[in-house]
Each structure stands twice: as C-alpha cells, then as structure tokens.
Amino acid sequence: MTQAWQQYRSAPALGTRLVRLDELAVGTTHSLTLQGEKGSFPVLIVRLEDALLGYVNACPHQYLPLDQRGPRILSQDGESLRCTNHDALFSSRTGEGTGGLGLGCELDPVPVGVDPEGWVVIGEPAG
C-alpha cells in the first residue's frame, strides 16, 4: 500500500480514532473530516462483507470529495465507488480508476484497522 496519504500536510497520526465499527453497516461508506492543527483531512471508510478499507476522500480528477453531491457512492455489489461530481469510477477494494474520468487515476488509500475497543483507527492497530 502506498503511503501517499501521509504526504498531505494535514495527515492525522497513526492510531487516530475515526468511528466505532458497530456504527458502520456492511455494504456502506462513511465519510468524515478530521480537524487538526495543520488543517482538515477528509477520510472515506468502506465497509464490505469481507473488508474494511480507507481512502482520502478526494477524487484525483479535481480533489473534490467523492460524496460531495450525495452519500450514495458505493455500487450495489460493493465493488465500485462513484464520484458524484464527475461520475469517475474506482474499485472499492484497490482505489484504482475503472471508468470515466477515473481511468488512469487512483484514490489514495489510508490504512485502517479496528482497535481492541472496537474503534476504526488509522493504521494497523496492535492487539
């Protein structure tokens, strides 16, 4: 996994808590903006039946949030994310552009895991 997300000036620290896992339904996305001393950082979490994934919530076409025009960005089968601004398509599992203005682009992955207390956190938590 590339670490491009860490190059953002406002990138949060590893271990930053995002949301409780039990608040995320399978087959949904959850976006939030973390506020810190160095600015805001947009995160998109994707919860699939067999995976929990994170991305910087910025379409590489114009760096607008994928869900800027509405929260329905995950395909019914859970395999694609669609930018509501430009209809760019991305694989929900890899972030790779798969259609439209997404071709040749990719979302910046953010590693996520679940800590022992049930919080989705940035990074791969120990224990």
C-alpha atoms as a PDB file:
ATOM      1  CA  MET A   1       0.000   0.000   0.000  1.00  0.00           C
ATOM      2  CA  THR A   2       1.380   3.391  -0.931  1.00  0.00           C
ATOM      3  CA  GLN A   3       1.764   5.940   1.810  1.00  0.00           C
ATOM      4  CA  ALA A   4       0.707   8.954  -0.295  1.00  0.00           C
ATOM      5  CA  TRP A   5      -1.883   9.901   2.331  1.00  0.00           C
ATOM      6  CA  GLN A   6       0.952  10.714   4.741  1.00  0.00           C
ATOM      7  CA  GLN A   7       2.245  13.352   2.328  1.00  0.00           C
ATOM      8  CA  TYR A   8      -0.841  15.509   2.945  1.00  0.00           C
ATOM      9  CA  ARG A   9       0.069  18.398   5.232  1.00  0.00           C
ATOM     10  CA  SER A  10      -2.985  17.668   7.384  1.00  0.00           C
ATOM     11  CA  ALA A  11      -2.475  13.883   7.598  1.00  0.00           C
ATOM     12  CA  PRO A  12      -3.525  12.550  11.012  1.00  0.00           C
ATOM     13  CA  ALA A  13      -1.322  10.393  13.206  1.00  0.00           C
ATOM     14  CA  LEU A  14      -1.400   6.620  13.103  1.00  0.00           C
ATOM     15  CA  GLY A  15      -3.843   5.363  15.711  1.00  0.00           C
ATOM     16  CA  THR A  16      -6.293   8.248  15.245  1.00  0.00           C
ATOM     17  CA  ARG A  17      -9.803   7.025  16.054  1.00  0.00           C
ATOM     18  CA  LEU A  18     -12.391   7.531  13.326  1.00  0.00           C
ATOM     19  CA  VAL A  19     -15.687   5.845  14.189  1.00  0.00           C
ATOM     20  CA  ARG A  20     -16.900   2.787  16.075  1.00  0.00           C
ATOM     21  CA  LEU A  21     -17.054  -0.288  13.844  1.00  0.00           C
ATOM     22  CA  ASP A  22     -20.549  -1.170  15.085  1.00  0.00           C
ATOM     23  CA  GLU A  23     -21.796   2.149  13.653  1.00  0.00           C
ATOM     24  CA  LEU A  24     -20.822   1.088  10.109  1.00  0.00           C
ATOM     25  CA  ALA A  25     -23.258  -1.199   8.327  1.00  0.00           C
ATOM     26  CA  VAL A  26     -21.831  -3.753   5.913  1.00  0.00           C
ATOM     27  CA  GLY A  27     -22.120  -2.503   2.327  1.00  0.00           C
ATOM     28  CA  THR A  28     -21.860   1.188   3.198  1.00  0.00           C
ATOM     29  CA  THR A  29     -19.411   4.073   3.185  1.00  0.00           C
ATOM     30  CA  HIS A  30     -18.776   6.648   5.866  1.00  0.00           C
ATOM     31  CA  SER A  31     -17.034   9.948   5.273  1.00  0.00           C
ATOM     32  CA  LEU A  32     -15.669  12.304   7.865  1.00  0.00           C
ATOM     33  CA  THR A  33     -13.292  15.218   8.026  1.00  0.00           C
ATOM     34  CA  LEU A  34     -10.679  15.199  10.742  1.00  0.00           C
ATOM     35  CA  GLN A  35      -9.682  18.612  12.079  1.00  0.00           C
ATOM     36  CA  GLY A  36      -6.174  19.156  13.359  1.00  0.00           C
ATOM     37  CA  GLU A  37      -3.597  21.836  13.939  1.00  0.00           C
ATOM     38  CA  LYS A  38      -2.461  21.552  10.322  1.00  0.00           C
ATOM     39  CA  GLY A  39      -5.924  21.687   8.752  1.00  0.00           C
ATOM     40  CA  SER A  40      -8.634  19.268   7.717  1.00  0.00           C
ATOM     41  CA  PHE A  41      -8.198  15.754   6.353  1.00  0.00           C
ATOM     42  CA  PRO A  42     -11.072  14.021   4.507  1.00  0.00           C
ATOM     43  CA  VAL A  43     -11.411  10.272   5.093  1.00  0.00           C
ATOM     44  CA  LEU A  44     -13.701   7.767   3.382  1.00  0.00           C
ATOM     45  CA  ILE A  45     -14.279   4.382   5.025  1.00  0.00           C
ATOM     46  CA  VAL A  46     -15.739   1.490   3.046  1.00  0.00           C
ATOM     47  CA  ARG A  47     -17.157  -1.496   4.914  1.00  0.00           C
ATOM     48  CA  LEU A  48     -17.712  -4.571   2.798  1.00  0.00           C
ATOM     49  CA  GLU A  49     -18.704  -8.047   3.931  1.00  0.00           C
ATOM     50  CA  ASP A  50     -15.079  -9.182   3.929  1.00  0.00           C
ATOM     51  CA  ALA A  51     -13.068  -5.954   4.084  1.00  0.00           C
ATOM     52  CA  LEU A  52     -12.663  -2.613   5.801  1.00  0.00           C
ATOM     53  CA  LEU A  53     -10.936  -0.025   3.619  1.00  0.00           C
ATOM     54  CA  GLY A  54      -9.986   3.613   3.880  1.00  0.00           C
ATOM     55  CA  TYR A  55      -9.205   6.302   1.329  1.00  0.00           C
ATOM     56  CA  VAL A  56      -8.528  10.014   1.245  1.00  0.00           C
ATOM     57  CA  ASN A  57     -11.977  11.324   0.287  1.00  0.00           C
ATOM     58  CA  ALA A  58     -10.723  13.309  -2.709  1.00  0.00           C
ATOM     59  CA  CYS A  59     -11.367  12.413  -6.327  1.00  0.00           C
ATOM     60  CA  PRO A  60      -7.991  12.707  -8.085  1.00  0.00           C
ATOM     61  CA  HIS A  61      -9.693  14.412 -11.033  1.00  0.00           C
ATOM     62  CA  GLN A  62     -10.302  17.688  -9.162  1.00  0.00           C
ATOM     63  CA  TYR A  63      -9.751  16.747  -5.496  1.00  0.00           C
ATOM     64  CA  LEU A  64     -13.391  17.205  -4.573  1.00  0.00           C
ATOM     65  CA  PRO A  65     -14.984  14.757  -2.106  1.00  0.00           C
ATOM     66  CA  LEU A  66     -16.428  11.716  -3.850  1.00  0.00           C
ATOM     67  CA  ASP A  67     -19.680  12.181  -1.913  1.00  0.00           C
ATOM     68  CA  GLN A  68     -19.919  15.975  -2.309  1.00  0.00           C
ATOM     69  CA  ARG A  69     -23.268  15.740  -4.110  1.00  0.00           C
ATOM     70  CA  GLY A  70     -24.730  12.898  -2.087  1.00  0.00           C
ATOM     71  CA  PRO A  71     -23.810   9.911   0.055  1.00  0.00           C
ATOM     72  CA  ARG A  72     -24.692   7.134  -2.417  1.00  0.00           C
ATOM     73  CA  ILE A  73     -21.282   6.401  -3.894  1.00  0.00           C
ATOM     74  CA  LEU A  74     -20.923   2.639  -3.349  1.00  0.00           C
ATOM     75  CA  SER A  75     -22.323   0.352  -6.045  1.00  0.00           C
ATOM     76  CA  GLN A  76     -24.972  -2.174  -5.071  1.00  0.00           C
ATOM     77  CA  ASP A  77     -22.473  -5.039  -5.327  1.00  0.00           C
ATOM     78  CA  GLY A  78     -19.936  -3.086  -3.251  1.00  0.00           C
ATOM     79  CA  GLU A  79     -17.208  -3.288  -5.881  1.00  0.00           C
ATOM     80  CA  SER A  80     -17.194   0.313  -7.178  1.00  0.00           C
ATOM     81  CA  LEU A  81     -17.069   3.837  -5.812  1.00  0.00           C
ATOM     82  CA  ARG A  82     -18.520   6.630  -7.953  1.00  0.00           C
ATOM     83  CA  CYS A  83     -17.567  10.273  -7.691  1.00  0.00           C
ATOM     84  CA  THR A  84     -20.801  12.262  -7.518  1.00  0.00           C
ATOM     85  CA  ASN A  85     -19.141  15.232  -9.219  1.00  0.00           C
ATOM     86  CA  HIS A  86     -17.796  13.625 -12.403  1.00  0.00           C
ATOM     87  CA  ASP A  87     -19.072  10.014 -12.421  1.00  0.00           C
ATOM     88  CA  ALA A  88     -15.483   8.769 -12.214  1.00  0.00           C
ATOM     89  CA  LEU A  89     -15.447   5.120 -11.124  1.00  0.00           C
ATOM     90  CA  PHE A  90     -12.949   3.461  -8.788  1.00  0.00           C
ATOM     91  CA  SER A  91     -12.528  -0.030  -7.408  1.00  0.00           C
ATOM     92  CA  SER A  92     -13.721  -0.018  -3.809  1.00  0.00           C
ATOM     93  CA  ARG A  93     -11.076  -2.644  -2.972  1.00  0.00           C
ATOM     94  CA  THR A  94      -7.993  -1.057  -4.574  1.00  0.00           C
ATOM     95  CA  GLY A  95      -8.891   2.574  -5.335  1.00  0.00           C
ATOM     96  CA  GLU A  96      -7.835   2.048  -8.957  1.00  0.00           C
ATOM     97  CA  GLY A  97      -9.755   4.063 -11.550  1.00  0.00           C
ATOM     98  CA  THR A  98     -12.034   1.754 -13.522  1.00  0.00           C
ATOM     99  CA  GLY A  99     -14.215   4.038 -15.625  1.00  0.00           C
ATOM    100  CA  GLY A 100     -14.959   7.516 -16.881  1.00  0.00           C
ATOM    101  CA  LEU A 101     -12.656  10.245 -15.602  1.00  0.00           C
ATOM    102  CA  GLY A 102     -11.273   7.759 -13.087  1.00  0.00           C
ATOM    103  CA  LEU A 103      -9.325   5.890 -15.757  1.00  0.00           C
ATOM    104  CA  GLY A 104      -5.610   6.370 -15.229  1.00  0.00           C
ATOM    105  CA  CYS A 105      -6.160   7.699 -11.685  1.00  0.00           C
ATOM    106  CA  GLU A 106      -6.389   6.126  -8.277  1.00  0.00           C
ATOM    107  CA  LEU A 107      -7.624   7.061  -4.845  1.00  0.00           C
ATOM    108  CA  ASP A 108      -5.021   7.436  -2.104  1.00  0.00           C
ATOM    109  CA  PRO A 109      -5.511   4.525   0.311  1.00  0.00           C
ATOM    110  CA  VAL A 110      -5.451   5.145   4.046  1.00  0.00           C
ATOM    111  CA  PRO A 111      -4.709   2.068   6.169  1.00  0.00           C
ATOM    112  CA  VAL A 112      -7.465   1.330   8.670  1.00  0.00           C
ATOM    113  CA  GLY A 113      -7.948  -1.293  11.319  1.00  0.00           C
ATOM    114  CA  VAL A 114     -10.035  -1.916  14.412  1.00  0.00           C
ATOM    115  CA  ASP A 115      -8.591  -1.428  17.881  1.00  0.00           C
ATOM    116  CA  PRO A 116      -9.410  -3.704  20.838  1.00  0.00           C
ATOM    117  CA  GLU A 117     -12.169  -1.313  21.942  1.00  0.00           C
ATOM    118  CA  GLY A 118     -13.994  -1.554  18.593  1.00  0.00           C
ATOM    119  CA  TRP A 119     -12.884   1.760  17.076  1.00  0.00           C
ATOM    120  CA  VAL A 120     -11.851   2.060  13.445  1.00  0.00           C
ATOM    121  CA  VAL A 121      -8.434   3.686  13.576  1.00  0.00           C
ATOM    122  CA  ILE A 122      -5.874   4.892  11.082  1.00  0.00           C
ATOM    123  CA  GLY A 123      -3.164   2.278  10.721  1.00  0.00           C
ATOM    124  CA  GLU A 124      -2.951  -1.350  11.691  1.00  0.00           C
ATOM    125  CA  PRO A 125      -3.512  -1.416  15.457  1.00  0.00           C
ATOM    126  CA  ALA A 126      -1.552  -3.837  17.598  1.00  0.00           C
ATOM    127  CA  GLY A 127      -3.551  -6.336  19.626  1.00  0.00           C
END
